[in-house]
């Protein structure tokens, strides 16, 4: 179970670290775009690992759907974080 959740946690943590660290120096669209790329790369690596280690094809399809949903949720968290940090800055 940990191998399924670990890419989601890593993706969220890495994208939030990037957003918080580079919030002052870049535009909001750039920050959100790079956060989305970090998110996508981490989740795609999780999918590749799951495809290589799983014997059940239906489980792979289900996990892809779960990771797609996690991508959207993490992207929303990133957008909310950027907006909150930009408003706090003003």
PDB file of N, CA and C in Angstrom:
ATOM      1  N   UNK A   1       0.821  -1.196   0.000  1.00  0.00           N
ATOM      2  CA  UNK A   1       0.000   0.000   0.000  1.00  0.00           C
ATOM      3  C   UNK A   1       0.864   1.258   0.000  1.00  0.00           C
ATOM      4  N   UNK A   2       2.009   1.190   0.658  1.00  0.00           N
ATOM      5  CA  UNK A   2       2.890   2.345   0.724  1.00  0.00           C
ATOM      6  C   UNK A   2       3.430   2.718  -0.647  1.00  0.00           C
ATOM      7  N   UNK A   3       3.704   1.717  -1.486  1.00  0.00           N
ATOM      8  CA  UNK A   3       4.243   2.014  -2.813  1.00  0.00           C
ATOM      9  C   UNK A   3       3.224   2.709  -3.703  1.00  0.00           C
ATOM     10  N   UNK A   4       1.950   2.649  -3.360  1.00  0.00           N
ATOM     11  CA  UNK A   4       0.922   3.336  -4.131  1.00  0.00           C
ATOM     12  C   UNK A   4       0.749   4.787  -3.684  1.00  0.00           C
ATOM     13  N   UNK A   5       0.951   5.045  -2.410  1.00  0.00           N
ATOM     14  CA  UNK A   5       0.736   6.381  -1.860  1.00  0.00           C
ATOM     15  C   UNK A   5       1.997   7.235  -1.922  1.00  0.00           C
ATOM     16  N   UNK A   6       3.148   6.606  -1.907  1.00  0.00           N
ATOM     17  CA  UNK A   6       4.418   7.325  -1.859  1.00  0.00           C
ATOM     18  C   UNK A   6       4.606   8.329  -3.006  1.00  0.00           C
ATOM     19  N   UNK A   7       4.314   8.000  -4.268  1.00  0.00           N
ATOM     20  CA  UNK A   7       4.473   9.011  -5.333  1.00  0.00           C
ATOM     21  C   UNK A   7       3.568  10.227  -5.146  1.00  0.00           C
ATOM     22  N   UNK A   8       2.385  10.034  -4.587  1.00  0.00           N
ATOM     23  CA  UNK A   8       1.469  11.143  -4.362  1.00  0.00           C
ATOM     24  C   UNK A   8       2.041  12.078  -3.299  1.00  0.00           C
ATOM     25  N   UNK A   9       2.546  11.512  -2.224  1.00  0.00           N
ATOM     26  CA  UNK A   9       3.111  12.317  -1.140  1.00  0.00           C
ATOM     27  C   UNK A   9       4.365  13.049  -1.622  1.00  0.00           C
ATOM     28  N   UNK A  10       5.224  12.351  -2.340  1.00  0.00           N
ATOM     29  CA  UNK A  10       6.442  12.972  -2.862  1.00  0.00           C
ATOM     30  C   UNK A  10       6.093  14.101  -3.827  1.00  0.00           C
ATOM     31  N   UNK A  11       5.121  13.885  -4.682  1.00  0.00           N
ATOM     32  CA  UNK A  11       4.700  14.900  -5.638  1.00  0.00           C
ATOM     33  C   UNK A  11       4.175  16.145  -4.932  1.00  0.00           C
ATOM     34  N   UNK A  12       3.340  15.948  -3.938  1.00  0.00           N
ATOM     35  CA  UNK A  12       2.783  17.076  -3.195  1.00  0.00           C
ATOM     36  C   UNK A  12       3.873  17.845  -2.470  1.00  0.00           C
ATOM     37  N   UNK A  13       4.751  17.146  -1.787  1.00  0.00           N
ATOM     38  CA  UNK A  13       5.802  17.800  -1.011  1.00  0.00           C
ATOM     39  C   UNK A  13       6.769  18.562  -1.927  1.00  0.00           C
ATOM     40  N   UNK A  14       7.218  17.938  -3.002  1.00  0.00           N
ATOM     41  CA  UNK A  14       8.164  18.604  -3.900  1.00  0.00           C
ATOM     42  C   UNK A  14       7.557  19.834  -4.574  1.00  0.00           C
ATOM     43  N   UNK A  15       6.318  19.728  -5.012  1.00  0.00           N
ATOM     44  CA  UNK A  15       5.703  20.879  -5.671  1.00  0.00           C
ATOM     45  C   UNK A  15       5.450  22.013  -4.682  1.00  0.00           C
ATOM     46  N   UNK A  16       5.068  21.698  -3.449  1.00  0.00           N
ATOM     47  CA  UNK A  16       4.870  22.751  -2.452  1.00  0.00           C
ATOM     48  C   UNK A  16       6.193  23.401  -2.053  1.00  0.00           C
ATOM     49  N   UNK A  17       7.243  22.608  -1.944  1.00  0.00           N
ATOM     50  CA  UNK A  17       8.559  23.179  -1.636  1.00  0.00           C
ATOM     51  C   UNK A  17       8.974  24.150  -2.742  1.00  0.00           C
ATOM     52  N   UNK A  18       8.791  23.748  -3.987  1.00  0.00           N
ATOM     53  CA  UNK A  18       9.139  24.634  -5.097  1.00  0.00           C
ATOM     54  C   UNK A  18       8.306  25.907  -5.056  1.00  0.00           C
ATOM     55  N   UNK A  19       7.016  25.777  -4.847  1.00  0.00           N
ATOM     56  CA  UNK A  19       6.124  26.939  -4.849  1.00  0.00           C
ATOM     57  C   UNK A  19       6.490  27.908  -3.731  1.00  0.00           C
ATOM     58  N   UNK A  20       6.739  27.399  -2.560  1.00  0.00           N
ATOM     59  CA  UNK A  20       7.060  28.281  -1.432  1.00  0.00           C
ATOM     60  C   UNK A  20       8.432  28.922  -1.614  1.00  0.00           C
ATOM     61  N   UNK A  21       9.381  28.168  -2.124  1.00  0.00           N
ATOM     62  CA  UNK A  21      10.752  28.677  -2.267  1.00  0.00           C
ATOM     63  C   UNK A  21      10.865  29.742  -3.360  1.00  0.00           C
ATOM     64  N   UNK A  22      10.202  29.547  -4.494  1.00  0.00           N
ATOM     65  CA  UNK A  22      10.362  30.448  -5.626  1.00  0.00           C
ATOM     66  C   UNK A  22       9.194  31.408  -5.807  1.00  0.00           C
ATOM     67  N   UNK A  23       8.376  31.583  -4.805  1.00  0.00           N
ATOM     68  CA  UNK A  23       7.200  32.434  -4.919  1.00  0.00           C
ATOM     69  C   UNK A  23       7.566  33.903  -5.114  1.00  0.00           C
ATOM     70  N   UNK A  24       8.628  34.369  -4.501  1.00  0.00           N
ATOM     71  CA  UNK A  24       8.973  35.790  -4.552  1.00  0.00           C
ATOM     72  C   UNK A  24       9.600  36.210  -5.877  1.00  0.00           C
ATOM     73  N   UNK A  25      10.250  35.291  -6.561  1.00  0.00           N
ATOM     74  CA  UNK A  25      11.047  35.658  -7.724  1.00  0.00           C
ATOM     75  C   UNK A  25      10.352  35.468  -9.066  1.00  0.00           C
ATOM     76  N   UNK A  26       9.241  34.767  -9.129  1.00  0.00           N
ATOM     77  CA  UNK A  26       8.638  34.413 -10.415  1.00  0.00           C
ATOM     78  C   UNK A  26       7.157  34.780 -10.445  1.00  0.00           C
ATOM     79  N   UNK A  27       6.612  34.779 -11.659  1.00  0.00           N
ATOM     80  CA  UNK A  27       5.185  35.043 -11.834  1.00  0.00           C
ATOM     81  C   UNK A  27       4.377  33.825 -11.399  1.00  0.00           C
ATOM     82  N   UNK A  28       3.112  34.049 -11.101  1.00  0.00           N
ATOM     83  CA  UNK A  28       2.237  32.975 -10.619  1.00  0.00           C
ATOM     84  C   UNK A  28       2.067  31.869 -11.650  1.00  0.00           C
ATOM     85  N   UNK A  29       1.911  32.232 -12.919  1.00  0.00           N
ATOM     86  CA  UNK A  29       1.701  31.225 -13.960  1.00  0.00           C
ATOM     87  C   UNK A  29       2.930  30.329 -14.097  1.00  0.00           C
ATOM     88  N   UNK A  30       4.113  30.910 -14.010  1.00  0.00           N
ATOM     89  CA  UNK A  30       5.342  30.130 -14.104  1.00  0.00           C
ATOM     90  C   UNK A  30       5.467  29.164 -12.936  1.00  0.00           C
ATOM     91  N   UNK A  31       5.156  29.649 -11.752  1.00  0.00           N
ATOM     92  CA  UNK A  31       5.255  28.811 -10.550  1.00  0.00           C
ATOM     93  C   UNK A  31       4.279  27.637 -10.638  1.00  0.00           C
ATOM     94  N   UNK A  32       3.049  27.915 -11.040  1.00  0.00           N
ATOM     95  CA  UNK A  32       2.045  26.864 -11.135  1.00  0.00           C
ATOM     96  C   UNK A  32       2.415  25.861 -12.235  1.00  0.00           C
ATOM     97  N   UNK A  33       2.942  26.350 -13.354  1.00  0.00           N
ATOM     98  CA  UNK A  33       3.327  25.459 -14.449  1.00  0.00           C
ATOM     99  C   UNK A  33       4.452  24.515 -14.049  1.00  0.00           C
ATOM    100  N   UNK A  34       5.478  25.051 -13.391  1.00  0.00           N
ATOM    101  CA  UNK A  34       6.588  24.199 -12.972  1.00  0.00           C
ATOM    102  C   UNK A  34       6.131  23.237 -11.872  1.00  0.00           C
ATOM    103  N   UNK A  35       5.259  23.696 -10.989  1.00  0.00           N
ATOM    104  CA  UNK A  35       4.693  22.802  -9.976  1.00  0.00           C
ATOM    105  C   UNK A  35       3.904  21.663 -10.603  1.00  0.00           C
ATOM    106  N   UNK A  36       3.172  21.970 -11.677  1.00  0.00           N
ATOM    107  CA  UNK A  36       2.415  20.928 -12.380  1.00  0.00           C
ATOM    108  C   UNK A  36       3.344  19.937 -13.071  1.00  0.00           C
ATOM    109  N   UNK A  37       4.448  20.427 -13.617  1.00  0.00           N
ATOM    110  CA  UNK A  37       5.413  19.533 -14.260  1.00  0.00           C
ATOM    111  C   UNK A  37       6.058  18.607 -13.225  1.00  0.00           C
ATOM    112  N   UNK A  38       6.431  19.161 -12.079  1.00  0.00           N
ATOM    113  CA  UNK A  38       6.988  18.342 -10.994  1.00  0.00           C
ATOM    114  C   UNK A  38       5.977  17.286 -10.576  1.00  0.00           C
ATOM    115  N   UNK A  39       4.731  17.706 -10.427  1.00  0.00           N
ATOM    116  CA  UNK A  39       3.645  16.811 -10.049  1.00  0.00           C
ATOM    117  C   UNK A  39       3.493  15.687 -11.080  1.00  0.00           C
ATOM    118  N   UNK A  40       3.485  16.050 -12.354  1.00  0.00           N
ATOM    119  CA  UNK A  40       3.285  15.068 -13.417  1.00  0.00           C
ATOM    120  C   UNK A  40       4.444  14.070 -13.482  1.00  0.00           C
ATOM    121  N   UNK A  41       5.665  14.554 -13.356  1.00  0.00           N
ATOM    122  CA  UNK A  41       6.825  13.669 -13.431  1.00  0.00           C
ATOM    123  C   UNK A  41       6.811  12.658 -12.285  1.00  0.00           C
ATOM    124  N   UNK A  42       6.536  13.119 -11.077  1.00  0.00           N
ATOM    125  CA  UNK A  42       6.507  12.204  -9.931  1.00  0.00           C
ATOM    126  C   UNK A  42       5.421  11.139 -10.088  1.00  0.00           C
ATOM    127  N   UNK A  43       4.242  11.561 -10.523  1.00  0.00           N
ATOM    128  CA  UNK A  43       3.153  10.596 -10.677  1.00  0.00           C
ATOM    129  C   UNK A  43       3.391   9.659 -11.860  1.00  0.00           C
ATOM    130  N   UNK A  44       4.002  10.140 -12.932  1.00  0.00           N
ATOM    131  CA  UNK A  44       4.325   9.253 -14.052  1.00  0.00           C
ATOM    132  C   UNK A  44       5.369   8.221 -13.659  1.00  0.00           C
ATOM    133  N   UNK A  45       6.345   8.622 -12.845  1.00  0.00           N
ATOM    134  CA  UNK A  45       7.319   7.651 -12.341  1.00  0.00           C
ATOM    135  C   UNK A  45       6.631   6.602 -11.461  1.00  0.00           C
ATOM    136  N   UNK A  46       5.638   7.032 -10.696  1.00  0.00           N
ATOM    137  CA  UNK A  46       4.866   6.082  -9.895  1.00  0.00           C
ATOM    138  C   UNK A  46       4.086   5.111 -10.762  1.00  0.00           C
ATOM    139  N   UNK A  47       3.516   5.602 -11.860  1.00  0.00           N
ATOM    140  CA  UNK A  47       2.783   4.731 -12.784  1.00  0.00           C
ATOM    141  C   UNK A  47       3.728   3.730 -13.438  1.00  0.00           C
ATOM    142  N   UNK A  48       4.897   4.213 -13.879  1.00  0.00           N
ATOM    143  CA  UNK A  48       5.865   3.319 -14.518  1.00  0.00           C
ATOM    144  C   UNK A  48       6.295   2.230 -13.541  1.00  0.00           C
ATOM    145  N   UNK A  49       6.574   2.610 -12.306  1.00  0.00           N
ATOM    146  CA  UNK A  49       6.967   1.611 -11.308  1.00  0.00           C
ATOM    147  C   UNK A  49       5.837   0.606 -11.076  1.00  0.00           C
ATOM    148  N   UNK A  50       4.606   1.105 -10.998  1.00  0.00           N
ATOM    149  CA  UNK A  50       3.474   0.218 -10.750  1.00  0.00           C
ATOM    150  C   UNK A  50       3.233  -0.723 -11.928  1.00  0.00           C
ATOM    151  N   UNK A  51       3.423  -0.224 -13.156  1.00  0.00           N
ATOM    152  CA  UNK A  51       3.263  -1.077 -14.337  1.00  0.00           C
ATOM    153  C   UNK A  51       4.310  -2.182 -14.339  1.00  0.00           C
ATOM    154  N   UNK A  52       5.534  -1.846 -13.953  1.00  0.00           N
ATOM    155  CA  UNK A  52       6.610  -2.831 -13.967  1.00  0.00           C
ATOM    156  C   UNK A  52       6.480  -3.876 -12.862  1.00  0.00           C
ATOM    157  N   UNK A  53       5.836  -3.523 -11.748  1.00  0.00           N
ATOM    158  CA  UNK A  53       5.766  -4.455 -10.617  1.00  0.00           C
ATOM    159  C   UNK A  53       4.419  -5.160 -10.474  1.00  0.00           C
ATOM    160  N   UNK A  54       3.399  -4.716 -11.165  1.00  0.00           N
ATOM    161  CA  UNK A  54       2.074  -5.307 -11.016  1.00  0.00           C
ATOM    162  C   UNK A  54       1.850  -6.416 -12.040  1.00  0.00           C
ATOM    163  N   UNK A  55       1.131  -7.461 -11.613  1.00  0.00           N
ATOM    164  CA  UNK A  55       0.780  -8.524 -12.543  1.00  0.00           C
ATOM    165  C   UNK A  55      -0.648  -8.399 -13.065  1.00  0.00           C
ATOM    166  N   UNK A  56      -1.429  -7.511 -12.473  1.00  0.00           N
ATOM    167  CA  UNK A  56      -2.833  -7.370 -12.832  1.00  0.00           C
ATOM    168  C   UNK A  56      -3.029  -6.105 -13.668  1.00  0.00           C
ATOM    169  N   UNK A  57      -3.510  -6.256 -14.881  1.00  0.00           N
ATOM    170  CA  UNK A  57      -3.710  -5.121 -15.771  1.00  0.00           C
ATOM    171  C   UNK A  57      -4.805  -4.185 -15.316  1.00  0.00           C
ATOM    172  N   UNK A  58      -5.849  -4.729 -14.719  1.00  0.00           N
ATOM    173  CA  UNK A  58      -6.942  -3.899 -14.233  1.00  0.00           C
ATOM    174  C   UNK A  58      -6.495  -3.017 -13.075  1.00  0.00           C
ATOM    175  N   UNK A  59      -5.601  -3.513 -12.253  1.00  0.00           N
ATOM    176  CA  UNK A  59      -5.069  -2.708 -11.143  1.00  0.00           C
ATOM    177  C   UNK A  59      -4.264  -1.528 -11.671  1.00  0.00           C
ATOM    178  N   UNK A  60      -3.556  -1.734 -12.778  1.00  0.00           N
ATOM    179  CA  UNK A  60      -2.777  -0.656 -13.378  1.00  0.00           C
ATOM    180  C   UNK A  60      -3.710   0.445 -13.888  1.00  0.00           C
ATOM    181  N   UNK A  61      -4.783   0.055 -14.537  1.00  0.00           N
ATOM    182  CA  UNK A  61      -5.746   1.032 -15.045  1.00  0.00           C
ATOM    183  C   UNK A  61      -6.393   1.794 -13.886  1.00  0.00           C
ATOM    184  N   UNK A  62      -6.750   1.095 -12.842  1.00  0.00           N
ATOM    185  CA  UNK A  62      -7.319   1.753 -11.668  1.00  0.00           C
ATOM    186  C   UNK A  62      -6.343   2.716 -11.015  1.00  0.00           C
ATOM    187  N   UNK A  63      -5.086   2.309 -10.931  1.00  0.00           N
ATOM    188  CA  UNK A  63      -4.082   3.179 -10.334  1.00  0.00           C
ATOM    189  C   UNK A  63      -3.830   4.408 -11.192  1.00  0.00           C
ATOM    190  N   UNK A  64      -3.905   4.267 -12.497  1.00  0.00           N
ATOM    191  CA  UNK A  64      -3.764   5.437 -13.373  1.00  0.00           C
ATOM    192  C   UNK A  64      -4.886   6.439 -13.128  1.00  0.00           C
ATOM    193  N   UNK A  65      -6.090   5.932 -12.932  1.00  0.00           N
ATOM    194  CA  UNK A  65      -7.214   6.814 -12.616  1.00  0.00           C
ATOM    195  C   UNK A  65      -7.036   7.513 -11.282  1.00  0.00           C
ATOM    196  N   UNK A  66      -6.553   6.782 -10.300  1.00  0.00           N
ATOM    197  CA  UNK A  66      -6.309   7.382  -8.985  1.00  0.00           C
ATOM    198  C   UNK A  66      -5.227   8.453  -9.083  1.00  0.00           C
ATOM    199  N   UNK A  67      -4.154   8.177  -9.823  1.00  0.00           N
ATOM    200  CA  UNK A  67      -3.090   9.163  -9.978  1.00  0.00           C
ATOM    201  C   UNK A  67      -3.565  10.377 -10.765  1.00  0.00           C
ATOM    202  N   UNK A  68      -4.452  10.189 -11.734  1.00  0.00           N
ATOM    203  CA  UNK A  68      -5.006  11.323 -12.475  1.00  0.00           C
ATOM    204  C   UNK A  68      -5.825  12.218 -11.546  1.00  0.00           C
ATOM    205  N   UNK A  69      -6.619  11.604 -10.684  1.00  0.00           N
ATOM    206  CA  UNK A  69      -7.390  12.368  -9.708  1.00  0.00           C
ATOM    207  C   UNK A  69      -6.460  13.090  -8.728  1.00  0.00           C
ATOM    208  N   UNK A  70      -5.405  12.411  -8.305  1.00  0.00           N
ATOM    209  CA  UNK A  70      -4.428  13.028  -7.402  1.00  0.00           C
ATOM    210  C   UNK A  70      -3.718  14.189  -8.078  1.00  0.00           C
ATOM    211  N   UNK A  71      -3.443  14.077  -9.372  1.00  0.00           N
ATOM    212  CA  UNK A  71      -2.823  15.176 -10.115  1.00  0.00           C
ATOM    213  C   UNK A  71      -3.692  16.422 -10.055  1.00  0.00           C
ATOM    214  N   UNK A  72      -4.981  16.257 -10.277  1.00  0.00           N
ATOM    215  CA  UNK A  72      -5.904  17.394 -10.257  1.00  0.00           C
ATOM    216  C   UNK A  72      -5.987  17.994  -8.857  1.00  0.00           C
ATOM    217  N   UNK A  73      -6.080  17.148  -7.834  1.00  0.00           N
ATOM    218  CA  UNK A  73      -6.183  17.646  -6.454  1.00  0.00           C
ATOM    219  C   UNK A  73      -4.909  18.378  -6.047  1.00  0.00           C
ATOM    220  N   UNK A  74      -3.752  17.827  -6.373  1.00  0.00           N
ATOM    221  CA  UNK A  74      -2.488  18.478  -6.028  1.00  0.00           C
ATOM    222  C   UNK A  74      -2.339  19.781  -6.806  1.00  0.00           C
ATOM    223  N   UNK A  75      -2.793  19.815  -8.049  1.00  0.00           N
ATOM    224  CA  UNK A  75      -2.748  21.050  -8.825  1.00  0.00           C
ATOM    225  C   UNK A  75      -3.626  22.127  -8.179  1.00  0.00           C
ATOM    226  N   UNK A  76      -4.801  21.740  -7.709  1.00  0.00           N
ATOM    227  CA  UNK A  76      -5.657  22.701  -7.005  1.00  0.00           C
ATOM    228  C   UNK A  76      -5.009  23.197  -5.714  1.00  0.00           C
ATOM    229  N   UNK A  77      -4.368  22.315  -4.979  1.00  0.00           N
ATOM    230  CA  UNK A  77      -3.654  22.717  -3.764  1.00  0.00           C
ATOM    231  C   UNK A  77      -2.542  23.699  -4.117  1.00  0.00           C
ATOM    232  N   UNK A  78      -1.834  23.441  -5.210  1.00  0.00           N
ATOM    233  CA  UNK A  78      -0.764  24.342  -5.637  1.00  0.00           C
ATOM    234  C   UNK A  78      -1.302  25.718  -6.016  1.00  0.00           C
ATOM    235  N   UNK A  79      -2.402  25.758  -6.742  1.00  0.00           N
ATOM    236  CA  UNK A  79      -2.998  27.039  -7.149  1.00  0.00           C
ATOM    237  C   UNK A  79      -3.453  27.819  -5.922  1.00  0.00           C
ATOM    238  N   UNK A  80      -4.109  27.162  -4.995  1.00  0.00           N
ATOM    239  CA  UNK A  80      -4.565  27.828  -3.773  1.00  0.00           C
ATOM    240  C   UNK A  80      -3.380  28.350  -2.968  1.00  0.00           C
ATOM    241  N   UNK A  81      -2.299  27.574  -2.913  1.00  0.00           N
ATOM    242  CA  UNK A  81      -1.103  28.007  -2.191  1.00  0.00           C
ATOM    243  C   UNK A  81      -0.480  29.230  -2.837  1.00  0.00           C
ATOM    244  N   UNK A  82      -0.372  29.236  -4.160  1.00  0.00           N
ATOM    245  CA  UNK A  82       0.198  30.395  -4.857  1.00  0.00           C
ATOM    246  C   UNK A  82      -0.649  31.632  -4.630  1.00  0.00           C
ATOM    247  N   UNK A  83      -1.953  31.499  -4.733  1.00  0.00           N
ATOM    248  CA  UNK A  83      -2.846  32.642  -4.517  1.00  0.00           C
ATOM    249  C   UNK A  83      -2.721  33.159  -3.087  1.00  0.00           C
ATOM    250  N   UNK A  84      -2.687  32.257  -2.126  1.00  0.00           N
ATOM    251  CA  UNK A  84      -2.564  32.675  -0.722  1.00  0.00           C
ATOM    252  C   UNK A  84      -1.231  33.365  -0.455  1.00  0.00           C
ATOM    253  N   UNK A  85      -0.161  32.843  -1.031  1.00  0.00           N
ATOM    254  CA  UNK A  85       1.148  33.461  -0.818  1.00  0.00           C
ATOM    255  C   UNK A  85       1.253  34.816  -1.508  1.00  0.00           C
ATOM    256  N   UNK A  86       0.662  34.944  -2.674  1.00  0.00           N
ATOM    257  CA  UNK A  86       0.693  36.250  -3.373  1.00  0.00           C
ATOM    258  C   UNK A  86      -0.150  37.286  -2.625  1.00  0.00           C
ATOM    259  N   UNK A  87      -1.291  36.879  -2.071  1.00  0.00           N
ATOM    260  CA  UNK A  87      -2.124  37.830  -1.310  1.00  0.00           C
ATOM    261  C   UNK A  87      -1.454  38.214  -0.001  1.00  0.00           C
ATOM    262  N   UNK A  88      -0.775  37.280   0.605  1.00  0.00           N
ATOM    263  CA  UNK A  88      -0.089  37.572   1.861  1.00  0.00           C
ATOM    264  C   UNK A  88       1.074  38.527   1.637  1.00  0.00           C
ATOM    265  N   UNK A  89       1.673  38.450   0.458  1.00  0.00           N
ATOM    266  CA  UNK A  89       2.820  39.297   0.114  1.00  0.00           C
ATOM    267  C   UNK A  89       2.410  40.753   0.008  1.00  0.00           C
ATOM    268  N   UNK A  90       1.194  41.010  -0.463  1.00  0.00           N
ATOM    269  CA  UNK A  90       0.734  42.400  -0.693  1.00  0.00           C
ATOM    270  C   UNK A  90       0.407  43.090   0.584  1.00  0.00           C
TER     271      UNK A  90
END
